[in-house]
C-alpha cells in the first residue's frame, strides 16, 4: 500500500477599501489572491526532501473555497462566503505560477481575522483510516487522495499601519494556508545492527587495568559487583581468600542475540505500523493497540483492526526500499502539554512500530526528538511533516555478560556474569518497556508566509 505525498500551499489575501470611505463604513471590499505555485514535483517524493518542494495543489483541484471573517476567534464567523461555480471556474483558468483572484464586494467593518478553507471535509467527524491514500480493503474503504486534503489558514489580528488615514485605510494581514493534517514519513535507508565484537563491546580475557579499561557501558558499581562475586566464588571453591597478589582478569561476552546471525534486516520484509493516534477528528481518546503477550498484536483488538476491513486497516504499510519514495501516514494533529516529561510524551503521542517478520522481532518507537535541537517532540502540528530516516536507526539486539576471573598461582575462580540487556527489540509490539527515542527531521510543508493587503 503506497501512501500519498503532498505539500501545503499559501493563500495571498488582498483587499483594500475605496478611497474617501470612512473606517466605520460597511462598504469595504475584499479581494483574495491565491498563489499556489507550479505542480511540477513527483507525488511520490518526500515532502521535505529536495528542499521541501513536494506536491503543490493545482488551481483546478480547488473544488470548494470558503472565506470566513471573524471579529474574535473565540466566537463564530460574522461573515462567510463560498465561491460560486463561476468564481471557481475563473480560479481554475488561472495560469500556473500566477495569482488567481476572488473578489467579495462588501465585508463587515468589524472584521479582525480572515480564515481561508479549501476543500473542507465532507464528513464533520472524519475517520483517519479513510484519509490515507490507498485502501487495502476488499471492497476498498473510502480514501482521500492528495487533491481532496483540506487546507486552512487564519490571519493574525488585522492592524492599521501608521501610513493609513481616515480617507484611505490600508490594512495588512498574513494568512498561511496549509493542510489540516500532520504527516509522518519513513524514509528508506539501512538500519544498522551493531556487531558487539567489531564495536568493542565484547572481548576475551584481559588482565588487570588493561582489561578493566576495555569495559563499555557497565558502571563502576557493576564492575565492583562482578569482582566481589569472583572473590566469593574463590572462597567457596578453595576455602580461603585470594591473596593480595592475585591477578584479576576481565571479559565481556555475548549472552543472547535476538536476530539470527545470517539475518539481513535491510532485505527482509518489514511492516510499519502506527499506534497511539486519534481515530477521528473529534475523538477525545487515542487508538492504543496492545500485544498478545506471545508474538503479535492482541487478537480481538489490534490484530483484527489492522487486518482488512478493520478500523486501522490502512494504518500500516510494507517498508519501501525505493529511494524515490517514502512510507507516509496522515494523522490528525496531536499534542501533550509542553511541560510533559518523557513518559507523558510516550503515553500521549503517536508510536511507530516495525515488525521484522523474518526474525519475528518488533521495534517500538514511542518518542521522538527534533534533529535540529534534540528536544523531545510534544506536538504533531497541522501542516508539518515529521520524517524518520532509517539510516539513523541503530539497534543493539543483544545481551552481554561481564565476568571477572581471579588467578592466584594455580588456583582460579570466576564470577557469576553481570548481565546487561541492550536490546531495543522485543518478541511483541508495544512491550512494557521501550526506551528508544529517535530523531526526526521536522519541516513545514511550505516555509514562507505571503504578506497580503486588505
Protein backbone atom coordinates (compact mmCIF):
# COMPACT_ATOMS: atom_id res chain seq x y z
CA UNK A 1 0.00 0.00 0.00
CA UNK A 2 1.54 3.27 -1.08
CA UNK A 3 0.73 6.49 0.73
CA UNK A 4 0.32 9.92 -0.91
CA UNK A 5 2.81 12.74 -0.70
CA UNK A 6 1.55 16.31 -0.90
CA UNK A 7 2.52 19.84 0.01
CA UNK A 8 0.78 22.77 1.66
CA UNK A 9 0.02 25.97 -0.13
CA UNK A 10 -0.11 29.66 0.60
CA UNK A 11 -3.14 31.88 0.08
CA UNK A 12 -2.49 35.53 -0.63
CA UNK A 13 -5.26 37.72 0.70
CA UNK A 14 -5.56 41.19 -0.67
CA UNK A 15 -8.32 43.72 -0.36
CA UNK A 16 -8.47 47.46 0.03
CA UNK A 17 -11.10 49.99 0.96
CA UNK A 18 -12.34 52.53 -1.50
CA UNK A 19 -10.87 55.99 -1.17
CA UNK A 20 -12.91 58.56 0.82
CA UNK A 21 -14.75 55.79 2.69
CA UNK A 22 -14.71 56.10 6.48
CA UNK A 23 -13.43 53.22 8.64
CA UNK A 24 -16.95 52.68 10.01
CA UNK A 25 -18.45 52.09 6.59
CA UNK A 26 -19.52 48.50 5.81
CA UNK A 27 -18.63 49.13 2.18
CA UNK A 28 -15.17 47.55 2.40
CA UNK A 29 -14.19 45.19 -0.36
CA UNK A 30 -12.12 42.04 -0.03
CA UNK A 31 -10.03 40.51 -2.76
CA UNK A 32 -8.49 37.09 -2.26
CA UNK A 33 -5.46 36.26 -4.39
CA UNK A 34 -4.20 32.66 -4.47
CA UNK A 35 -0.59 31.96 -5.31
CA UNK A 36 -0.17 28.18 -5.38
CA UNK A 37 2.95 27.66 -7.46
CA UNK A 38 3.52 25.10 -10.18
CA UNK A 39 2.60 21.45 -9.62
CA UNK A 40 5.76 20.05 -11.14
CA UNK A 41 7.03 17.73 -8.40
CA UNK A 42 6.54 13.98 -8.35
CA UNK A 43 3.81 12.94 -5.95
CA UNK A 44 6.00 10.03 -4.82
CA UNK A 45 8.76 12.26 -3.46
CA UNK A 46 9.18 13.12 0.17
CA UNK A 47 7.51 16.39 1.08
CA UNK A 48 10.57 17.61 2.96
CA UNK A 49 13.10 16.13 0.58
CA UNK A 50 14.60 18.18 -2.24
CA UNK A 51 14.47 21.37 -0.21
CA UNK A 52 10.90 20.86 0.91
CA UNK A 53 9.39 21.10 -2.54
CA UNK A 54 6.77 18.38 -2.72
CA UNK A 55 3.23 18.27 -4.08
CA UNK A 56 1.65 21.66 -4.81
CA UNK A 57 -2.11 21.89 -5.24
CA UNK A 58 -3.03 23.00 -8.79
CA UNK A 59 -5.79 25.59 -9.14
CA UNK A 60 -8.11 23.14 -10.90
CA UNK A 61 -8.11 20.87 -7.85
CA UNK A 62 -9.77 23.53 -5.69
CA UNK A 63 -13.29 22.12 -5.51
CA UNK A 64 -14.62 24.18 -2.60
CA UNK A 65 -13.34 27.51 -1.32
CA UNK A 66 -14.71 29.35 1.70
CA UNK A 67 -13.75 32.69 3.20
CA UNK A 68 -14.80 33.26 6.82
CA UNK A 69 -14.44 36.61 8.60
CA UNK A 70 -14.23 36.93 12.37
CA UNK A 71 -14.38 39.69 14.95
CA UNK A 72 -13.00 37.21 17.52
CA UNK A 73 -11.57 33.74 17.05
CA UNK A 74 -13.38 32.71 20.24
CA UNK A 75 -16.70 33.29 18.50
CA UNK A 76 -18.28 32.13 15.28
CA UNK A 77 -17.74 33.86 11.92
CA UNK A 78 -19.55 37.13 11.28
CA UNK A 79 -19.44 36.63 7.53
CA UNK A 80 -18.99 33.62 5.25
CA UNK A 81 -18.56 33.50 1.51
CA UNK A 82 -18.40 30.28 -0.51
CA UNK A 83 -17.01 30.64 -4.00
CA UNK A 84 -19.65 30.12 -6.67
CA UNK A 85 -19.19 27.86 -9.70
CA UNK A 86 -18.36 30.82 -11.99
CA UNK A 87 -15.82 32.07 -9.43
CA UNK A 88 -14.24 28.61 -9.21
CA UNK A 89 -14.09 28.42 -13.00
CA UNK A 90 -12.13 31.68 -13.06
CA UNK A 91 -9.75 30.31 -10.43
CA UNK A 92 -9.29 27.06 -12.38
CA UNK A 93 -8.42 29.03 -15.51
CA UNK A 94 -5.53 30.82 -13.82
CA UNK A 95 -2.15 30.15 -15.36
CA UNK A 96 0.12 28.16 -13.04
CA UNK A 97 2.55 30.46 -11.26
CA UNK A 98 0.20 33.46 -11.38
CA UNK A 99 -2.30 34.63 -8.76
CA UNK A 100 -5.97 33.68 -9.00
CA UNK A 101 -8.46 36.23 -7.70
CA UNK A 102 -11.73 36.11 -5.80
CA UNK A 103 -13.49 39.41 -5.06
CA UNK A 104 -16.09 39.95 -2.32
CA UNK A 105 -17.86 43.32 -2.77
CA UNK A 106 -18.73 44.04 0.87
CA UNK A 107 -17.44 42.72 4.18
CA UNK A 108 -18.27 43.79 7.78
CA UNK A 109 -16.20 46.66 9.11
CA UNK A 110 -15.79 44.70 12.38
CA UNK A 111 -13.63 42.12 10.61
CA UNK A 112 -10.41 41.41 12.50
CA UNK A 113 -9.47 37.93 11.28
CA UNK A 114 -9.71 36.17 7.93
CA UNK A 115 -9.91 32.40 7.55
CA UNK A 116 -9.49 30.53 4.28
CA UNK A 117 -10.80 26.97 3.87
CA UNK A 118 -10.08 24.89 0.76
CA UNK A 119 -11.72 21.51 0.07
CA UNK A 120 -13.15 21.04 3.59
CA UNK A 121 -14.02 17.59 4.93
CA UNK A 122 -17.44 16.41 3.75
CA UNK A 123 -17.77 14.39 6.95
CA UNK A 124 -17.87 16.63 10.05
CA UNK A 125 -16.00 13.93 12.02
CA UNK A 126 -13.78 12.09 9.50
CA UNK A 127 -12.03 8.79 10.22
CA UNK A 128 -8.23 8.82 9.85
CA UNK A 129 -8.33 5.36 8.28
CA UNK A 130 -10.24 6.93 5.38
CA UNK A 131 -7.76 9.79 5.00
CA UNK A 132 -4.95 7.58 3.74
CA UNK A 133 -4.37 7.49 0.01
CA UNK A 134 -4.82 3.82 -0.79
CA UNK A 135 -7.05 1.24 0.84
CA UNK A 136 -6.03 -2.38 1.09
CA UNK A 137 -9.57 -3.49 1.94
CA UNK A 138 -11.75 -5.50 -0.41
CA UNK A 139 -14.00 -3.77 -1.28
CA UNK A 140 -11.86 -0.71 -0.60
CA UNK A 141 -12.67 1.59 2.28
CA UNK A 142 -13.07 5.30 1.47
CA UNK A 143 -9.77 7.08 0.92
CA UNK A 144 -8.64 10.67 0.47
CA UNK A 145 -6.33 11.50 -2.40
CA UNK A 146 -3.96 14.43 -2.31
CA UNK A 147 -6.41 16.58 -4.30
CA UNK A 148 -9.02 16.28 -1.56
CA UNK A 149 -6.93 17.08 1.50
CA UNK A 150 -8.43 20.14 3.24
CA UNK A 151 -6.33 23.27 3.67
CA UNK A 152 -6.94 26.04 6.18
CA UNK A 153 -5.32 29.22 7.35
CA UNK A 154 -6.16 32.11 9.69
CA UNK A 155 -4.66 35.58 9.59
CA UNK A 156 -3.10 37.25 12.57
CA UNK A 157 -5.05 40.18 14.01
CA UNK A 158 -5.55 42.90 11.41
CA UNK A 159 -3.97 46.23 12.34
CA UNK A 160 -3.99 49.67 10.71
CA UNK A 161 -0.46 50.79 9.77
CA UNK A 162 0.83 54.25 10.60
CA UNK A 163 0.56 55.40 6.99
CA UNK A 164 -3.24 54.92 6.97
CA UNK A 165 -5.53 57.95 7.06
CA UNK A 166 -9.23 58.44 7.64
CA UNK A 167 -9.67 58.87 3.90
CA UNK A 168 -7.80 55.69 2.98
CA UNK A 169 -7.46 52.58 5.08
CA UNK A 170 -4.77 50.09 4.11
CA UNK A 171 -4.70 47.08 6.40
CA UNK A 172 -2.27 44.17 6.19
CA UNK A 173 -2.91 40.53 7.06
CA UNK A 174 -0.82 37.40 6.64
CA UNK A 175 -2.52 34.07 6.04
CA UNK A 176 -0.68 30.81 5.58
CA UNK A 177 -2.92 28.09 4.22
CA UNK A 178 -1.67 24.58 4.99
CA UNK A 179 -3.07 21.04 5.11
CA UNK A 180 -5.14 20.39 8.23
CA UNK A 181 -3.36 17.07 8.79
CA UNK A 182 0.05 16.15 10.14
CA UNK A 183 2.22 13.81 8.14
CA UNK A 184 4.71 11.17 9.26
CA UNK A 185 7.28 9.98 6.74
CA UNK A 186 9.60 6.99 6.97
CA UNK A 187 12.49 7.44 4.57
CA UNK A 188 14.17 4.30 3.21
CA UNK A 189 17.65 3.59 4.45
CA UNK A 190 19.87 0.96 6.02
CA UNK A 191 19.07 0.02 9.59
CA UNK A 192 22.28 -0.87 11.38
CA UNK A 193 22.63 -3.85 13.70
CA UNK A 194 25.70 -3.25 15.82
CA UNK A 195 28.20 -6.13 15.96
CA UNK A 196 29.25 -6.25 19.64
CA UNK A 197 32.67 -7.72 18.85
CA UNK A 198 33.52 -5.38 15.97
CA UNK A 199 32.43 -2.36 18.01
CA UNK A 200 34.50 -3.35 21.04
CA UNK A 201 31.64 -4.27 23.34
CA UNK A 202 32.87 -7.85 23.73
CA UNK A 203 36.42 -9.09 24.30
CA UNK A 204 38.19 -12.14 25.70
CA UNK A 205 40.03 -12.43 29.00
CA UNK A 206 42.35 -9.48 29.54
CA UNK A 207 44.38 -9.00 32.72
CA UNK A 208 44.40 -6.10 35.15
CA UNK A 209 43.67 -2.45 34.43
CA UNK A 210 44.07 -3.05 30.71
CA UNK A 211 41.11 -5.42 30.84
CA UNK A 212 39.04 -3.11 33.01
CA UNK A 213 39.67 -0.24 30.59
CA UNK A 214 38.09 -2.24 27.75
CA UNK A 215 34.73 -2.48 29.50
CA UNK A 216 31.98 -0.38 27.85
CA UNK A 217 28.67 0.69 29.37
CA UNK A 218 29.00 -1.25 32.61
CA UNK A 219 29.04 1.05 35.61
CA UNK A 220 31.74 1.15 38.27
CA UNK A 221 29.24 -0.42 40.64
CA UNK A 222 28.53 -3.29 38.26
CA UNK A 223 32.26 -3.93 37.81
CA UNK A 224 32.70 -3.89 41.58
CA UNK A 225 29.85 -6.39 41.98
CA UNK A 226 31.48 -8.72 39.46
CA UNK A 227 34.79 -8.51 41.33
CA UNK A 228 33.07 -9.29 44.63
CA UNK A 229 31.30 -12.24 43.00
CA UNK A 230 34.68 -13.58 41.84
CA UNK A 231 36.09 -13.27 45.38
CA UNK A 232 33.06 -15.01 46.86
CA UNK A 233 33.27 -17.86 44.34
CA UNK A 234 37.00 -18.17 45.04
CA UNK A 235 36.29 -18.61 48.78
CA UNK A 236 33.60 -21.21 48.06
CA UNK A 237 35.86 -23.13 45.69
CA UNK A 238 39.13 -23.04 47.64
CA UNK A 239 38.05 -22.41 51.23
CA UNK A 240 40.20 -19.30 51.59
CA UNK A 241 40.53 -15.74 50.29
CA UNK A 242 42.72 -14.95 47.31
CA UNK A 243 45.99 -13.27 48.18
CA UNK A 244 46.71 -9.59 47.59
CA UNK A 245 48.93 -10.56 44.65
CA UNK A 246 46.12 -12.39 42.82
CA UNK A 247 45.54 -11.28 39.23
CA UNK A 248 42.08 -10.04 38.19
CA UNK A 249 41.13 -10.64 34.57
CA UNK A 250 38.04 -9.33 32.74
CA UNK A 251 35.94 -10.29 29.78
CA UNK A 252 32.60 -9.31 28.26
CA UNK A 253 30.86 -11.94 26.17
CA UNK A 254 27.68 -12.23 24.14
CA UNK A 255 24.91 -13.82 26.19
CA UNK A 256 21.97 -13.56 23.78
CA UNK A 257 21.44 -12.36 20.19
CA UNK A 258 17.84 -11.63 19.16
CA UNK A 259 18.40 -11.96 15.42
CA UNK A 260 19.77 -14.97 13.52
CA UNK A 261 23.42 -14.44 12.63
CA UNK A 262 22.63 -14.64 8.90
CA UNK A 263 19.60 -12.31 9.07
CA UNK A 264 19.75 -9.32 6.67
CA UNK A 265 17.48 -6.74 8.24
CA UNK A 266 17.55 -4.47 5.18
CA UNK A 267 16.45 -7.06 2.63
CA UNK A 268 13.87 -8.83 4.78
CA UNK A 269 10.20 -7.82 4.70
CA UNK A 270 9.48 -5.16 7.32
CA UNK A 271 5.97 -3.97 8.16
CA UNK A 272 5.48 -0.48 9.65
CA UNK A 273 2.56 0.32 11.96
CA UNK A 274 1.18 3.49 13.52
CA UNK A 275 -0.28 3.32 17.03
CA UNK A 276 -1.42 5.82 19.69
CA UNK A 277 -3.20 8.12 17.25
CA UNK A 278 -6.65 9.70 17.02
CA UNK A 279 -9.13 7.59 15.04
CA UNK A 280 -11.46 10.50 14.29
CA UNK A 281 -11.09 14.26 14.20
CA UNK A 282 -13.35 14.83 17.19
CA UNK A 283 -12.12 11.90 19.26
CA UNK A 284 -11.01 12.62 22.82
CA UNK A 285 -9.18 9.29 23.07
CA UNK A 286 -6.46 7.52 21.12
CA UNK A 287 -6.14 4.13 19.46
CA UNK A 288 -3.94 2.13 21.84
CA UNK A 289 -3.49 -1.34 20.39
CA UNK A 290 -1.76 -3.86 22.66
CA UNK A 291 0.11 -7.14 22.22
CA UNK A 292 -1.00 -10.72 22.89
CA UNK A 293 1.96 -11.47 25.21
CA UNK A 294 3.09 -14.11 22.72
CA UNK A 295 4.27 -12.78 19.36
CA UNK A 296 1.78 -10.36 17.79
CA UNK A 297 -0.99 -7.84 18.31
CA UNK A 298 -3.82 -8.87 20.61
CA UNK A 299 -6.26 -10.89 18.53
CA UNK A 300 -9.53 -9.24 19.47
CA UNK A 301 -8.29 -5.67 19.10
CA UNK A 302 -5.08 -4.70 17.31
CA UNK A 303 -4.72 -7.81 15.17
CA UNK A 304 -8.32 -7.60 13.98
CA UNK A 305 -8.28 -3.83 13.48
CA UNK A 306 -5.11 -3.78 11.36
CA UNK A 307 -6.50 -6.60 9.18
CA UNK A 308 -8.51 -5.94 6.03
CA UNK A 309 -11.83 -4.42 6.95
CA UNK A 310 -10.59 -3.36 10.38
CA UNK A 311 -10.75 0.14 11.80
CA UNK A 312 -6.99 0.66 11.29
CA UNK A 313 -6.60 -1.35 8.09
CA UNK A 314 -4.75 1.46 6.32
CA UNK A 315 -2.54 2.45 9.25
CA UNK A 316 0.29 0.11 8.36
CA UNK A 317 2.44 -0.37 5.30
CA UNK A 318 5.22 -2.60 4.00
CA UNK A 319 8.55 -0.80 4.13
CA UNK A 320 9.64 0.60 0.77
CA UNK A 321 13.22 0.26 -0.43
CA UNK A 322 12.77 2.64 -3.39
CA UNK A 323 14.91 5.69 -2.61
CA UNK A 324 12.50 7.91 -4.56
CA UNK A 325 9.61 7.02 -2.26
CA UNK A 326 8.77 7.18 1.43
CA UNK A 327 6.24 5.40 3.59
CA UNK A 328 3.85 8.05 4.85
CA UNK A 329 0.87 8.26 7.15
CA UNK A 330 -1.63 11.09 7.57
CA UNK A 331 -2.51 11.89 11.17
CA UNK A 332 -4.78 14.32 12.92
CA UNK A 333 -2.77 16.91 14.86
CA UNK A 334 -1.88 15.61 18.30
CA UNK A 335 -0.05 17.02 21.31
CA UNK A 336 0.67 16.80 25.01
CA UNK A 337 1.34 19.76 27.30
CA UNK A 338 4.68 21.48 26.52
CA UNK A 339 5.93 20.68 30.02
CA UNK A 340 5.25 16.94 29.63
CA UNK A 341 8.00 14.59 30.76
CA UNK A 342 9.27 11.75 28.58
CA UNK A 343 6.81 9.19 29.96
CA UNK A 344 3.88 11.55 29.36
CA UNK A 345 5.07 12.02 25.77
CA UNK A 346 5.21 8.25 25.31
CA UNK A 347 1.69 7.95 26.70
CA UNK A 348 0.20 10.72 24.57
CA UNK A 349 1.97 10.91 21.21
CA UNK A 350 1.99 8.59 18.15
CA UNK A 351 4.14 5.46 18.14
CA UNK A 352 5.85 3.78 15.18
CA UNK A 353 6.34 0.02 15.26
CA UNK A 354 8.47 -2.01 12.84
CA UNK A 355 7.90 -5.75 12.52
CA UNK A 356 10.91 -7.64 11.18
CA UNK A 357 8.85 -10.61 10.06
CA UNK A 358 11.69 -12.99 9.17
CA UNK A 359 13.23 -12.67 12.63
CA UNK A 360 9.90 -12.40 14.47
CA UNK A 361 11.12 -9.28 16.26
CA UNK A 362 9.42 -5.93 16.82
CA UNK A 363 10.88 -2.46 17.28
CA UNK A 364 8.59 0.01 19.07
CA UNK A 365 9.48 3.72 19.00
CA UNK A 366 7.39 5.69 21.47
CA UNK A 367 9.06 9.08 21.45
CA UNK A 368 10.91 11.31 19.02
CA UNK A 369 13.28 14.25 19.22
CA UNK A 370 13.85 17.13 16.81
CA UNK A 371 17.11 16.60 14.92
CA UNK A 372 17.88 20.32 14.93
CA UNK A 373 17.84 20.82 18.71
CA UNK A 374 17.42 17.34 20.28
CA UNK A 375 14.27 18.50 22.07
CA UNK A 376 11.59 15.87 22.64
CA UNK A 377 8.66 16.42 20.24
CA UNK A 378 5.46 17.01 22.20
CA UNK A 379 3.23 18.03 19.30
CA UNK A 380 2.46 16.90 15.75
CA UNK A 381 1.20 20.14 14.20
CA UNK A 382 -1.10 20.60 11.19
CA UNK A 383 0.80 21.35 8.01
CA UNK A 384 4.03 19.88 9.37
CA UNK A 385 5.91 16.82 8.23
CA UNK A 386 7.88 14.59 10.60
CA UNK A 387 10.42 12.40 8.84
CA UNK A 388 12.26 9.38 10.24
CA UNK A 389 15.34 8.38 8.22
CA UNK A 390 16.00 4.65 8.59
CA UNK A 391 19.72 5.38 8.12
CA UNK A 392 19.56 6.87 11.63
CA UNK A 393 18.18 3.70 13.22
CA UNK A 394 20.91 1.81 15.07
CA UNK A 395 19.94 -1.17 17.19
CA UNK A 396 21.86 -3.39 19.59
CA UNK A 397 19.72 -6.55 19.76
CA UNK A 398 21.79 -8.43 22.28
CA UNK A 399 22.58 -9.02 25.94
CA UNK A 400 26.13 -9.02 27.26
CA UNK A 401 27.71 -10.57 30.31
CA UNK A 402 30.60 -9.08 32.31
CA UNK A 403 32.78 -11.65 34.08
CA UNK A 404 35.81 -11.41 36.35
CA UNK A 405 38.37 -14.18 36.89
CA UNK A 406 40.79 -14.36 39.81
CA UNK A 407 44.10 -16.19 39.31
CA UNK A 408 46.19 -16.80 42.41
CA UNK A 409 49.07 -19.07 41.48
CA UNK A 410 47.47 -22.21 40.08
CA UNK A 411 44.10 -21.50 41.69
CA UNK A 412 41.35 -19.76 39.76
CA UNK A 413 37.71 -18.79 40.15
CA UNK A 414 35.24 -16.86 38.02
CA UNK A 415 32.38 -14.58 38.94
CA UNK A 416 28.77 -15.10 38.05
CA UNK A 417 28.10 -12.97 34.95
CA UNK A 418 26.66 -9.49 35.42
CA UNK A 419 24.17 -9.44 32.55
CA UNK A 420 23.08 -6.25 30.82
CA UNK A 421 20.33 -6.18 28.19
CA UNK A 422 20.96 -3.71 25.35
CA UNK A 423 18.13 -4.97 23.14
CA UNK A 424 15.62 -2.35 21.93
CA UNK A 425 13.60 -5.01 20.08
CA UNK A 426 11.04 -7.38 21.54
CA UNK A 427 9.13 -10.54 20.67
CA UNK A 428 5.91 -8.47 20.74
CA UNK A 429 4.83 -4.97 19.66
CA UNK A 430 4.32 -2.35 22.37
CA UNK A 431 6.25 -4.22 25.10
CA UNK A 432 6.04 -2.95 28.66
CA UNK A 433 9.46 -1.34 28.40
CA UNK A 434 10.71 0.54 25.36
CA UNK A 435 13.33 3.24 25.85
CA UNK A 436 14.33 4.00 22.25
CA UNK A 437 13.97 7.67 21.27
CA UNK A 438 14.61 8.52 17.60
CA UNK A 439 15.42 11.86 15.98
CA UNK A 440 13.17 13.31 13.28
CA UNK A 441 13.55 15.97 10.64
CA UNK A 442 10.72 18.45 11.18
CA UNK A 443 9.59 20.82 8.46
CA UNK A 444 6.68 22.94 7.38
CA UNK A 445 5.29 21.82 4.06
CA UNK A 446 5.96 25.38 2.96
CA UNK A 447 8.28 27.76 4.78
CA UNK A 448 7.21 31.17 3.54
CA UNK A 449 4.19 33.25 4.53
CA UNK A 450 2.99 35.78 2.00
CA UNK A 451 2.01 39.23 3.18
CA UNK A 452 -1.33 40.45 1.95
CA UNK A 453 -3.26 43.68 1.82
CA UNK A 454 -6.83 44.13 2.97
